[in-house]
Amino acid sequence: MKKISMLIGILSVMAIVSCKEKEETPDTTTNQTIEVTNEAPAVEENPDGTSVSIGSDGIDVSTKSGENQTKVNVSGGDAKVEVKK
């Protein structure tokens, strides 16, 4: 009789422990999407001034002053000069 009462006691304790409510912590992480738009800066077309480019393929020089424009390109033994007024 002791074995049966012991078995019933153990089963009742296991039933009580297994029915205990479990605290579930909610997932607090959230995903946010941030959209960033950048506008390209305004590019000034043909500003007045002088620019010089030197590279392995030759030299480019261009000058602009108002309506007058001069371009010089020297490369590979060939020379080209362009003047616009």
Protein backbone atom coordinates (compact mmCIF):
# COMPACT_ATOMS: atom_id res chain seq x y z
CA MET A 1 0.00 0.00 0.00
CA LYS A 2 2.89 2.34 0.68
CA LYS A 3 4.15 1.91 -2.86
CA ILE A 4 0.80 2.88 -4.37
CA SER A 5 0.42 5.98 -2.18
CA MET A 6 4.02 6.94 -2.97
CA LEU A 7 3.36 6.51 -6.70
CA ILE A 8 0.16 8.58 -6.53
CA GLY A 9 2.04 11.32 -4.60
CA ILE A 10 4.86 11.47 -7.17
CA LEU A 11 2.38 11.59 -10.08
CA SER A 12 0.40 14.40 -8.44
CA VAL A 13 3.57 16.47 -7.84
CA MET A 14 4.64 15.95 -11.47
CA ALA A 15 1.18 17.00 -12.69
CA ILE A 16 1.26 20.20 -10.61
CA VAL A 17 4.76 21.11 -11.78
CA SER A 18 3.98 20.45 -15.45
CA CYS A 19 0.83 22.64 -15.37
CA LYS A 20 2.69 25.67 -14.06
CA GLU A 21 2.31 28.72 -16.34
CA LYS A 22 5.43 29.65 -18.18
CA GLU A 23 6.25 33.31 -18.59
CA GLU A 24 7.05 34.06 -22.18
CA THR A 25 8.88 37.29 -22.86
CA PRO A 26 7.58 38.92 -26.02
CA ASP A 27 10.07 39.62 -28.78
CA THR A 28 10.85 43.31 -28.39
CA THR A 29 13.04 43.66 -31.45
CA THR A 30 11.52 45.59 -34.31
CA ASN A 31 12.82 46.02 -37.81
CA GLN A 32 12.77 49.54 -39.15
CA THR A 33 13.62 50.55 -42.67
CA ILE A 34 15.17 53.97 -43.11
CA GLU A 35 15.20 55.35 -46.62
CA VAL A 36 17.70 58.10 -47.40
CA THR A 37 17.66 59.97 -50.67
CA ASN A 38 20.50 62.21 -51.71
CA GLU A 39 20.16 64.65 -54.53
CA ALA A 40 23.12 65.11 -56.81
CA PRO A 41 24.66 68.56 -56.56
CA ALA A 42 23.96 70.89 -59.45
CA VAL A 43 26.76 70.71 -62.00
CA GLU A 44 27.74 73.96 -63.60
CA GLU A 45 28.10 73.55 -67.35
CA ASN A 46 31.30 74.95 -68.84
CA PRO A 47 32.37 77.29 -66.04
CA ASP A 48 34.82 80.05 -66.83
CA GLY A 49 38.41 79.17 -66.03
CA THR A 50 41.28 76.92 -67.09
CA SER A 51 41.66 73.19 -66.66
CA VAL A 52 44.75 71.07 -67.32
CA SER A 53 44.79 67.25 -67.53
CA ILE A 54 48.05 65.33 -67.80
CA GLY A 55 48.01 61.59 -68.31
CA SER A 56 49.90 58.77 -70.01
CA ASP A 57 47.95 59.40 -73.22
CA GLY A 58 48.82 63.13 -73.47
CA ILE A 59 47.95 66.61 -72.24
CA ASP A 60 44.59 68.40 -72.42
CA VAL A 61 44.31 72.14 -71.73
CA SER A 62 41.03 74.04 -71.97
CA THR A 63 40.28 77.69 -71.21
CA LYS A 64 36.94 79.47 -71.17
CA SER A 65 36.26 83.14 -70.63
CA GLY A 66 32.67 84.14 -71.34
CA GLU A 67 31.92 83.23 -74.96
CA ASN A 68 35.60 82.58 -75.86
CA GLN A 69 36.78 78.99 -75.52
CA THR A 70 40.16 77.41 -76.31
CA LYS A 71 41.05 73.69 -76.20
CA VAL A 72 44.52 72.20 -76.70
CA ASN A 73 45.09 68.43 -76.92
CA VAL A 74 48.58 66.96 -77.36
CA SER A 75 48.92 63.19 -77.54
CA GLY A 76 50.94 60.55 -79.37
CA GLY A 77 52.91 63.05 -81.45
CA ASP A 78 49.70 64.62 -82.80
CA ALA A 79 48.71 68.13 -81.79
CA LYS A 80 45.24 69.62 -82.08
CA VAL A 81 44.20 73.17 -81.23
CA GLU A 82 40.58 74.32 -81.25
CA VAL A 83 39.54 77.94 -80.69
CA LYS A 84 35.87 78.99 -80.51
CA LYS A 85 34.64 82.58 -80.40
